């Protein structure tokens, strides 16, 4: 699975509506409203790199109020949740 972190600038008066529209898209797992240069951060998970073009410029960028996107593709994922699950294998709770 390929993970892309998409930094999104929006019309500031429509952040909640835009976030909900992005979150409703297939392959978007989370959308965060954040402070700083960008207004939203979306996590996109796809099976193939080609799918990113369908979702990011093809769907996210076309949502009314999305001004710009900046996409970062993850090389690896490190997660505390994954580490805890690995160490818990075979243990009774």
PDB file of N, CA and C in Angstrom:
ATOM      1  N   UNK A   1       0.851  -1.175   0.000  1.00  0.00           N
ATOM      2  CA  UNK A   1       0.000   0.000   0.000  1.00  0.00           C
ATOM      3  C   UNK A   1       0.898   1.241   0.000  1.00  0.00           C
ATOM      4  N   UNK A   2       0.589   2.186  -0.848  1.00  0.00           N
ATOM      5  CA  UNK A   2       1.340   3.437  -0.958  1.00  0.00           C
ATOM      6  C   UNK A   2       0.590   4.510  -0.182  1.00  0.00           C
ATOM      7  N   UNK A   3       1.313   5.245   0.655  1.00  0.00           N
ATOM      8  CA  UNK A   3       0.710   6.316   1.435  1.00  0.00           C
ATOM      9  C   UNK A   3       1.232   7.650   0.942  1.00  0.00           C
ATOM     10  N   UNK A   4       0.320   8.570   0.697  1.00  0.00           N
ATOM     11  CA  UNK A   4       0.683   9.935   0.328  1.00  0.00           C
ATOM     12  C   UNK A   4       0.115  10.884   1.371  1.00  0.00           C
ATOM     13  N   UNK A   5       0.928  11.845   1.771  1.00  0.00           N
ATOM     14  CA  UNK A   5       0.496  12.909   2.678  1.00  0.00           C
ATOM     15  C   UNK A   5       0.266  14.124   1.795  1.00  0.00           C
ATOM     16  N   UNK A   6      -0.968  14.614   1.786  1.00  0.00           N
ATOM     17  CA  UNK A   6      -1.328  15.714   0.901  1.00  0.00           C
ATOM     18  C   UNK A   6      -1.598  16.956   1.747  1.00  0.00           C
ATOM     19  N   UNK A   7      -0.769  17.984   1.565  1.00  0.00           N
ATOM     20  CA  UNK A   7      -0.948  19.266   2.236  1.00  0.00           C
ATOM     21  C   UNK A   7      -1.827  20.121   1.339  1.00  0.00           C
ATOM     22  N   UNK A   8      -2.882  20.702   1.915  1.00  0.00           N
ATOM     23  CA  UNK A   8      -3.913  21.350   1.101  1.00  0.00           C
ATOM     24  C   UNK A   8      -4.179  22.770   1.588  1.00  0.00           C
ATOM     25  N   UNK A   9      -4.114  23.727   0.654  1.00  0.00           N
ATOM     26  CA  UNK A   9      -4.543  25.101   0.927  1.00  0.00           C
ATOM     27  C   UNK A   9      -5.967  25.234   0.405  1.00  0.00           C
ATOM     28  N   UNK A  10      -6.802  25.908   1.204  1.00  0.00           N
ATOM     29  CA  UNK A  10      -8.216  26.039   0.843  1.00  0.00           C
ATOM     30  C   UNK A  10      -8.696  27.472   1.026  1.00  0.00           C
ATOM     31  N   UNK A  11      -9.915  27.706   0.584  1.00  0.00           N
ATOM     32  CA  UNK A  11     -10.608  28.945   0.950  1.00  0.00           C
ATOM     33  C   UNK A  11     -10.911  28.822   2.434  1.00  0.00           C
ATOM     34  N   UNK A  12     -10.392  29.735   3.247  1.00  0.00           N
ATOM     35  CA  UNK A  12     -10.492  29.579   4.702  1.00  0.00           C
ATOM     36  C   UNK A  12     -11.917  29.616   5.221  1.00  0.00           C
ATOM     37  N   UNK A  13     -12.830  30.202   4.491  1.00  0.00           N
ATOM     38  CA  UNK A  13     -14.212  30.262   4.962  1.00  0.00           C
ATOM     39  C   UNK A  13     -14.973  28.963   4.713  1.00  0.00           C
ATOM     40  N   UNK A  14     -14.336  27.976   4.064  1.00  0.00           N
ATOM     41  CA  UNK A  14     -15.013  26.717   3.735  1.00  0.00           C
ATOM     42  C   UNK A  14     -14.239  25.490   4.214  1.00  0.00           C
ATOM     43  N   UNK A  15     -13.323  25.656   5.146  1.00  0.00           N
ATOM     44  CA  UNK A  15     -12.479  24.542   5.573  1.00  0.00           C
ATOM     45  C   UNK A  15     -13.290  23.319   6.014  1.00  0.00           C
ATOM     46  N   UNK A  16     -14.288  23.441   6.885  1.00  0.00           N
ATOM     47  CA  UNK A  16     -15.016  22.234   7.311  1.00  0.00           C
ATOM     48  C   UNK A  16     -15.711  21.506   6.154  1.00  0.00           C
ATOM     49  N   UNK A  17     -16.324  22.250   5.255  1.00  0.00           N
ATOM     50  CA  UNK A  17     -17.028  21.622   4.127  1.00  0.00           C
ATOM     51  C   UNK A  17     -16.046  20.932   3.178  1.00  0.00           C
ATOM     52  N   UNK A  18     -14.928  21.574   2.935  1.00  0.00           N
ATOM     53  CA  UNK A  18     -13.915  20.996   2.050  1.00  0.00           C
ATOM     54  C   UNK A  18     -13.315  19.744   2.693  1.00  0.00           C
ATOM     55  N   UNK A  19     -13.030  19.811   3.988  1.00  0.00           N
ATOM     56  CA  UNK A  19     -12.484  18.649   4.697  1.00  0.00           C
ATOM     57  C   UNK A  19     -13.441  17.467   4.620  1.00  0.00           C
ATOM     58  N   UNK A  20     -14.720  17.705   4.797  1.00  0.00           N
ATOM     59  CA  UNK A  20     -15.716  16.627   4.719  1.00  0.00           C
ATOM     60  C   UNK A  20     -15.794  16.044   3.313  1.00  0.00           C
ATOM     61  N   UNK A  21     -15.711  16.890   2.300  1.00  0.00           N
ATOM     62  CA  UNK A  21     -15.759  16.410   0.916  1.00  0.00           C
ATOM     63  C   UNK A  21     -14.532  15.551   0.601  1.00  0.00           C
ATOM     64  N   UNK A  22     -13.370  15.958   1.084  1.00  0.00           N
ATOM     65  CA  UNK A  22     -12.147  15.177   0.855  1.00  0.00           C
ATOM     66  C   UNK A  22     -12.215  13.856   1.612  1.00  0.00           C
ATOM     67  N   UNK A  23     -12.659  13.901   2.859  1.00  0.00           N
ATOM     68  CA  UNK A  23     -12.747  12.692   3.683  1.00  0.00           C
ATOM     69  C   UNK A  23     -13.710  11.664   3.082  1.00  0.00           C
ATOM     70  N   UNK A  24     -14.682  12.111   2.324  1.00  0.00           N
ATOM     71  CA  UNK A  24     -15.663  11.207   1.716  1.00  0.00           C
ATOM     72  C   UNK A  24     -15.112  10.478   0.487  1.00  0.00           C
ATOM     73  N   UNK A  25     -13.959  10.894  -0.017  1.00  0.00           N
ATOM     74  CA  UNK A  25     -13.388  10.262  -1.208  1.00  0.00           C
ATOM     75  C   UNK A  25     -12.808   8.888  -0.873  1.00  0.00           C
ATOM     76  N   UNK A  26     -12.949   7.962  -1.822  1.00  0.00           N
ATOM     77  CA  UNK A  26     -12.316   6.657  -1.672  1.00  0.00           C
ATOM     78  C   UNK A  26     -10.812   6.835  -1.563  1.00  0.00           C
ATOM     79  N   UNK A  27     -10.172   6.005  -0.758  1.00  0.00           N
ATOM     80  CA  UNK A  27      -8.730   5.985  -0.550  1.00  0.00           C
ATOM     81  C   UNK A  27      -8.204   7.116   0.318  1.00  0.00           C
ATOM     82  N   UNK A  28      -9.061   8.000   0.802  1.00  0.00           N
ATOM     83  CA  UNK A  28      -8.644   9.020   1.768  1.00  0.00           C
ATOM     84  C   UNK A  28      -8.983   8.461   3.145  1.00  0.00           C
ATOM     85  N   UNK A  29      -7.949   8.214   3.955  1.00  0.00           N
ATOM     86  CA  UNK A  29      -8.200   7.582   5.254  1.00  0.00           C
ATOM     87  C   UNK A  29      -8.450   8.587   6.364  1.00  0.00           C
ATOM     88  N   UNK A  30      -7.784   9.750   6.321  1.00  0.00           N
ATOM     89  CA  UNK A  30      -7.994  10.791   7.323  1.00  0.00           C
ATOM     90  C   UNK A  30      -7.788  12.153   6.686  1.00  0.00           C
ATOM     91  N   UNK A  31      -8.452  13.135   7.280  1.00  0.00           N
ATOM     92  CA  UNK A  31      -8.220  14.536   6.916  1.00  0.00           C
ATOM     93  C   UNK A  31      -8.098  15.305   8.222  1.00  0.00           C
ATOM     94  N   UNK A  32      -7.030  16.080   8.341  1.00  0.00           N
ATOM     95  CA  UNK A  32      -6.777  16.861   9.547  1.00  0.00           C
ATOM     96  C   UNK A  32      -6.845  18.346   9.219  1.00  0.00           C
ATOM     97  N   UNK A  33      -7.525  19.104  10.060  1.00  0.00           N
ATOM     98  CA  UNK A  33      -7.482  20.561   9.989  1.00  0.00           C
ATOM     99  C   UNK A  33      -6.282  20.975  10.830  1.00  0.00           C
ATOM    100  N   UNK A  34      -5.371  21.773  10.242  1.00  0.00           N
ATOM    101  CA  UNK A  34      -4.109  22.078  10.913  1.00  0.00           C
ATOM    102  C   UNK A  34      -3.814  23.577  10.892  1.00  0.00           C
ATOM    103  N   UNK A  35      -2.845  23.968  11.715  1.00  0.00           N
ATOM    104  CA  UNK A  35      -2.362  25.342  11.698  1.00  0.00           C
ATOM    105  C   UNK A  35      -1.145  25.425  10.792  1.00  0.00           C
ATOM    106  N   UNK A  36      -0.783  26.622  10.410  1.00  0.00           N
ATOM    107  CA  UNK A  36       0.415  26.810   9.614  1.00  0.00           C
ATOM    108  C   UNK A  36       0.113  27.218   8.186  1.00  0.00           C
ATOM    109  N   UNK A  37       1.024  26.912   7.303  1.00  0.00           N
ATOM    110  CA  UNK A  37       0.938  27.320   5.902  1.00  0.00           C
ATOM    111  C   UNK A  37      -0.235  26.670   5.182  1.00  0.00           C
ATOM    112  N   UNK A  38      -0.556  25.442   5.562  1.00  0.00           N
ATOM    113  CA  UNK A  38      -1.650  24.703   4.928  1.00  0.00           C
ATOM    114  C   UNK A  38      -2.841  24.647   5.869  1.00  0.00           C
ATOM    115  N   UNK A  39      -4.012  24.412   5.282  1.00  0.00           N
ATOM    116  CA  UNK A  39      -5.242  24.359   6.072  1.00  0.00           C
ATOM    117  C   UNK A  39      -5.644  22.938   6.440  1.00  0.00           C
ATOM    118  N   UNK A  40      -5.349  21.992   5.533  1.00  0.00           N
ATOM    119  CA  UNK A  40      -5.727  20.600   5.732  1.00  0.00           C
ATOM    120  C   UNK A  40      -4.564  19.683   5.370  1.00  0.00           C
ATOM    121  N   UNK A  41      -4.538  18.528   6.011  1.00  0.00           N
ATOM    122  CA  UNK A  41      -3.615  17.459   5.650  1.00  0.00           C
ATOM    123  C   UNK A  41      -4.451  16.208   5.446  1.00  0.00           C
ATOM    124  N   UNK A  42      -4.312  15.577   4.281  1.00  0.00           N
ATOM    125  CA  UNK A  42      -5.059  14.355   3.983  1.00  0.00           C
ATOM    126  C   UNK A  42      -4.098  13.190   3.826  1.00  0.00           C
ATOM    127  N   UNK A  43      -4.494  12.040   4.346  1.00  0.00           N
ATOM    128  CA  UNK A  43      -3.733  10.813   4.173  1.00  0.00           C
ATOM    129  C   UNK A  43      -4.449   9.997   3.096  1.00  0.00           C
ATOM    130  N   UNK A  44      -3.704   9.703   2.030  1.00  0.00           N
ATOM    131  CA  UNK A  44      -4.255   8.948   0.909  1.00  0.00           C
ATOM    132  C   UNK A  44      -3.496   7.638   0.821  1.00  0.00           C
ATOM    133  N   UNK A  45      -4.240   6.517   0.767  1.00  0.00           N
ATOM    134  CA  UNK A  45      -3.617   5.204   0.682  1.00  0.00           C
ATOM    135  C   UNK A  45      -4.145   4.484  -0.561  1.00  0.00           C
ATOM    136  N   UNK A  46      -3.212   4.084  -1.422  1.00  0.00           N
ATOM    137  CA  UNK A  46      -3.581   3.460  -2.696  1.00  0.00           C
ATOM    138  C   UNK A  46      -2.687   2.252  -2.963  1.00  0.00           C
ATOM    139  N   UNK A  47      -3.152   1.308  -3.783  1.00  0.00           N
ATOM    140  CA  UNK A  47      -2.328   0.140  -4.093  1.00  0.00           C
ATOM    141  C   UNK A  47      -1.221   0.423  -5.111  1.00  0.00           C
ATOM    142  N   UNK A  48      -1.407   1.420  -5.984  1.00  0.00           N
ATOM    143  CA  UNK A  48      -0.425   1.700  -7.037  1.00  0.00           C
ATOM    144  C   UNK A  48      -0.204   3.207  -7.167  1.00  0.00           C
ATOM    145  N   UNK A  49       1.000   3.598  -7.566  1.00  0.00           N
ATOM    146  CA  UNK A  49       1.313   5.018  -7.741  1.00  0.00           C
ATOM    147  C   UNK A  49       0.362   5.700  -8.719  1.00  0.00           C
ATOM    148  N   UNK A  50      -0.023   4.989  -9.761  1.00  0.00           N
ATOM    149  CA  UNK A  50      -0.911   5.572 -10.766  1.00  0.00           C
ATOM    150  C   UNK A  50      -2.233   6.049 -10.167  1.00  0.00           C
ATOM    151  N   UNK A  51      -2.669   5.391  -9.097  1.00  0.00           N
ATOM    152  CA  UNK A  51      -3.917   5.779  -8.450  1.00  0.00           C
ATOM    153  C   UNK A  51      -3.838   7.161  -7.807  1.00  0.00           C
ATOM    154  N   UNK A  52      -2.634   7.597  -7.445  1.00  0.00           N
ATOM    155  CA  UNK A  52      -2.485   8.921  -6.842  1.00  0.00           C
ATOM    156  C   UNK A  52      -2.929  10.013  -7.802  1.00  0.00           C
ATOM    157  N   UNK A  53      -2.634   9.845  -9.087  1.00  0.00           N
ATOM    158  CA  UNK A  53      -3.039  10.844 -10.081  1.00  0.00           C
ATOM    159  C   UNK A  53      -4.558  10.924 -10.197  1.00  0.00           C
ATOM    160  N   UNK A  54      -5.216   9.801 -10.053  1.00  0.00           N
ATOM    161  CA  UNK A  54      -6.678   9.800 -10.107  1.00  0.00           C
ATOM    162  C   UNK A  54      -7.281  10.543  -8.921  1.00  0.00           C
ATOM    163  N   UNK A  55      -6.676  10.379  -7.765  1.00  0.00           N
ATOM    164  CA  UNK A  55      -7.265  10.923  -6.544  1.00  0.00           C
ATOM    165  C   UNK A  55      -6.845  12.365  -6.266  1.00  0.00           C
ATOM    166  N   UNK A  56      -5.550  12.660  -6.351  1.00  0.00           N
ATOM    167  CA  UNK A  56      -5.091  13.979  -5.916  1.00  0.00           C
ATOM    168  C   UNK A  56      -5.407  15.054  -6.954  1.00  0.00           C
ATOM    169  N   UNK A  57      -4.782  15.060  -8.134  1.00  0.00           N
ATOM    170  CA  UNK A  57      -5.188  16.096  -9.099  1.00  0.00           C
ATOM    171  C   UNK A  57      -6.558  15.818  -9.713  1.00  0.00           C
ATOM    172  N   UNK A  58      -6.921  14.540  -9.793  1.00  0.00           N
ATOM    173  CA  UNK A  58      -8.179  14.188 -10.437  1.00  0.00           C
ATOM    174  C   UNK A  58      -9.422  14.438  -9.611  1.00  0.00           C
ATOM    175  N   UNK A  59      -9.307  14.369  -8.271  1.00  0.00           N
ATOM    176  CA  UNK A  59     -10.497  14.536  -7.430  1.00  0.00           C
ATOM    177  C   UNK A  59     -10.323  15.597  -6.351  1.00  0.00           C
ATOM    178  N   UNK A  60      -9.254  15.494  -5.546  1.00  0.00           N
ATOM    179  CA  UNK A  60      -9.071  16.455  -4.454  1.00  0.00           C
ATOM    180  C   UNK A  60      -8.932  17.873  -4.998  1.00  0.00           C
ATOM    181  N   UNK A  61      -8.070  18.063  -5.981  1.00  0.00           N
ATOM    182  CA  UNK A  61      -7.824  19.410  -6.517  1.00  0.00           C
ATOM    183  C   UNK A  61      -9.034  20.022  -7.202  1.00  0.00           C
ATOM    184  N   UNK A  62      -9.993  19.192  -7.585  1.00  0.00           N
ATOM    185  CA  UNK A  62     -11.185  19.689  -8.274  1.00  0.00           C
ATOM    186  C   UNK A  62     -12.336  20.033  -7.328  1.00  0.00           C
ATOM    187  N   UNK A  63     -12.160  19.797  -6.040  1.00  0.00           N
ATOM    188  CA  UNK A  63     -13.201  20.169  -5.072  1.00  0.00           C
ATOM    189  C   UNK A  63     -13.227  21.683  -4.968  1.00  0.00           C
ATOM    190  N   UNK A  64     -14.397  22.292  -5.120  1.00  0.00           N
ATOM    191  CA  UNK A  64     -14.480  23.756  -5.024  1.00  0.00           C
ATOM    192  C   UNK A  64     -13.931  24.256  -3.688  1.00  0.00           C
ATOM    193  N   UNK A  65     -13.036  25.234  -3.762  1.00  0.00           N
ATOM    194  CA  UNK A  65     -12.424  25.796  -2.569  1.00  0.00           C
ATOM    195  C   UNK A  65     -11.018  25.300  -2.316  1.00  0.00           C
ATOM    196  N   UNK A  66     -10.601  24.206  -2.994  1.00  0.00           N
ATOM    197  CA  UNK A  66      -9.215  23.753  -2.878  1.00  0.00           C
ATOM    198  C   UNK A  66      -8.376  24.660  -3.764  1.00  0.00           C
ATOM    199  N   UNK A  67      -7.396  25.333  -3.165  1.00  0.00           N
ATOM    200  CA  UNK A  67      -6.571  26.309  -3.866  1.00  0.00           C
ATOM    201  C   UNK A  67      -5.278  25.676  -4.383  1.00  0.00           C
ATOM    202  N   UNK A  68      -4.636  24.831  -3.567  1.00  0.00           N
ATOM    203  CA  UNK A  68      -3.370  24.212  -3.961  1.00  0.00           C
ATOM    204  C   UNK A  68      -3.138  22.960  -3.130  1.00  0.00           C
ATOM    205  N   UNK A  69      -2.341  22.032  -3.686  1.00  0.00           N
ATOM    206  CA  UNK A  69      -1.937  20.837  -2.951  1.00  0.00           C
ATOM    207  C   UNK A  69      -0.427  20.658  -3.083  1.00  0.00           C
ATOM    208  N   UNK A  70       0.145  20.014  -2.091  1.00  0.00           N
ATOM    209  CA  UNK A  70       1.565  19.662  -2.081  1.00  0.00           C
ATOM    210  C   UNK A  70       1.622  18.227  -1.567  1.00  0.00           C
ATOM    211  N   UNK A  71       2.058  17.295  -2.403  1.00  0.00           N
ATOM    212  CA  UNK A  71       1.983  15.871  -2.077  1.00  0.00           C
ATOM    213  C   UNK A  71       3.350  15.299  -1.732  1.00  0.00           C
ATOM    214  N   UNK A  72       3.381  14.512  -0.672  1.00  0.00           N
ATOM    215  CA  UNK A  72       4.588  13.815  -0.226  1.00  0.00           C
ATOM    216  C   UNK A  72       4.266  12.330  -0.154  1.00  0.00           C
ATOM    217  N   UNK A  73       5.041  11.501  -0.842  1.00  0.00           N
ATOM    218  CA  UNK A  73       4.830  10.057  -0.827  1.00  0.00           C
ATOM    219  C   UNK A  73       5.756   9.444   0.216  1.00  0.00           C
ATOM    220  N   UNK A  74       5.190   8.596   1.067  1.00  0.00           N
ATOM    221  CA  UNK A  74       5.957   7.969   2.138  1.00  0.00           C
ATOM    222  C   UNK A  74       6.791   6.808   1.608  1.00  0.00           C
ATOM    223  N   UNK A  75       8.042   6.719   2.061  1.00  0.00           N
ATOM    224  CA  UNK A  75       8.886   5.566   1.741  1.00  0.00           C
ATOM    225  C   UNK A  75       8.535   4.391   2.640  1.00  0.00           C
ATOM    226  N   UNK A  76       8.411   4.674   3.944  1.00  0.00           N
ATOM    227  CA  UNK A  76       8.072   3.660   4.946  1.00  0.00           C
ATOM    228  C   UNK A  76       7.117   4.272   5.954  1.00  0.00           C
ATOM    229  N   UNK A  77       6.407   3.395   6.644  1.00  0.00           N
ATOM    230  CA  UNK A  77       5.514   3.833   7.701  1.00  0.00           C
ATOM    231  C   UNK A  77       6.005   3.259   9.028  1.00  0.00           C
ATOM    232  N   UNK A  78       6.162   4.113  10.011  1.00  0.00           N
ATOM    233  CA  UNK A  78       6.525   3.707  11.363  1.00  0.00           C
ATOM    234  C   UNK A  78       5.375   4.110  12.262  1.00  0.00           C
ATOM    235  N   UNK A  79       4.837   3.155  13.003  1.00  0.00           N
ATOM    236  CA  UNK A  79       3.650   3.434  13.802  1.00  0.00           C
ATOM    237  C   UNK A  79       3.755   2.763  15.158  1.00  0.00           C
ATOM    238  N   UNK A  80       3.480   3.495  16.204  1.00  0.00           N
ATOM    239  CA  UNK A  80       3.457   2.921  17.550  1.00  0.00           C
ATOM    240  C   UNK A  80       2.395   1.838  17.629  1.00  0.00           C
ATOM    241  N   UNK A  81       1.272   2.047  16.958  1.00  0.00           N
ATOM    242  CA  UNK A  81       0.185   1.061  16.941  1.00  0.00           C
ATOM    243  C   UNK A  81       0.679  -0.252  16.345  1.00  0.00           C
ATOM    244  N   UNK A  82       1.427  -0.198  15.247  1.00  0.00           N
ATOM    245  CA  UNK A  82       1.958  -1.394  14.608  1.00  0.00           C
ATOM    246  C   UNK A  82       2.950  -2.114  15.517  1.00  0.00           C
ATOM    247  N   UNK A  83       3.801  -1.358  16.211  1.00  0.00           N
ATOM    248  CA  UNK A  83       4.774  -1.959  17.116  1.00  0.00           C
ATOM    249  C   UNK A  83       4.084  -2.659  18.281  1.00  0.00           C
ATOM    250  N   UNK A  84       3.068  -2.030  18.855  1.00  0.00           N
ATOM    251  CA  UNK A  84       2.339  -2.637  19.964  1.00  0.00           C
ATOM    252  C   UNK A  84       1.656  -3.920  19.526  1.00  0.00           C
ATOM    253  N   UNK A  85       1.062  -3.927  18.327  1.00  0.00           N
ATOM    254  CA  UNK A  85       0.383  -5.106  17.823  1.00  0.00           C
ATOM    255  C   UNK A  85       1.384  -6.253  17.609  1.00  0.00           C
ATOM    256  N   UNK A  86       2.566  -5.939  17.103  1.00  0.00           N
ATOM    257  CA  UNK A  86       3.572  -6.965  16.844  1.00  0.00           C
ATOM    258  C   UNK A  86       4.039  -7.607  18.148  1.00  0.00           C
ATOM    259  N   UNK A  87       4.230  -6.818  19.197  1.00  0.00           N
ATOM    260  CA  UNK A  87       4.691  -7.363  20.459  1.00  0.00           C
ATOM    261  C   UNK A  87       3.578  -8.097  21.208  1.00  0.00           C
ATOM    262  N   UNK A  88       2.328  -7.866  20.854  1.00  0.00           N
ATOM    263  CA  UNK A  88       1.204  -8.482  21.531  1.00  0.00           C
ATOM    264  C   UNK A  88       0.795  -9.819  20.914  1.00  0.00           C
ATOM    265  N   UNK A  89       1.412 -10.205  19.806  1.00  0.00           N
ATOM    266  CA  UNK A  89       1.039 -11.447  19.143  1.00  0.00           C
ATOM    267  C   UNK A  89       1.268 -12.624  20.098  1.00  0.00           C
ATOM    268  N   UNK A  90       0.231 -13.414  20.267  1.00  0.00           N
ATOM    269  CA  UNK A  90       0.322 -14.600  21.105  1.00  0.00           C
ATOM    270  C   UNK A  90       0.097 -14.356  22.586  1.00  0.00           C
ATOM    271  N   UNK A  91      -0.089 -13.111  22.977  1.00  0.00           N
ATOM    272  CA  UNK A  91      -0.336 -12.815  24.388  1.00  0.00           C
ATOM    273  C   UNK A  91      -1.835 -12.733  24.642  1.00  0.00           C
ATOM    274  N   UNK A  92      -2.260 -13.288  25.771  1.00  0.00           N
ATOM    275  CA  UNK A  92      -3.671 -13.167  26.163  1.00  0.00           C
ATOM    276  C   UNK A  92      -3.858 -11.862  26.902  1.00  0.00           C
ATOM    277  N   UNK A  93      -4.928 -11.163  26.589  1.00  0.00           N
ATOM    278  CA  UNK A  93      -5.201  -9.869  27.230  1.00  0.00           C
ATOM    279  C   UNK A  93      -5.851 -10.057  28.565  1.00  0.00           C
TER     280      UNK A  93
END
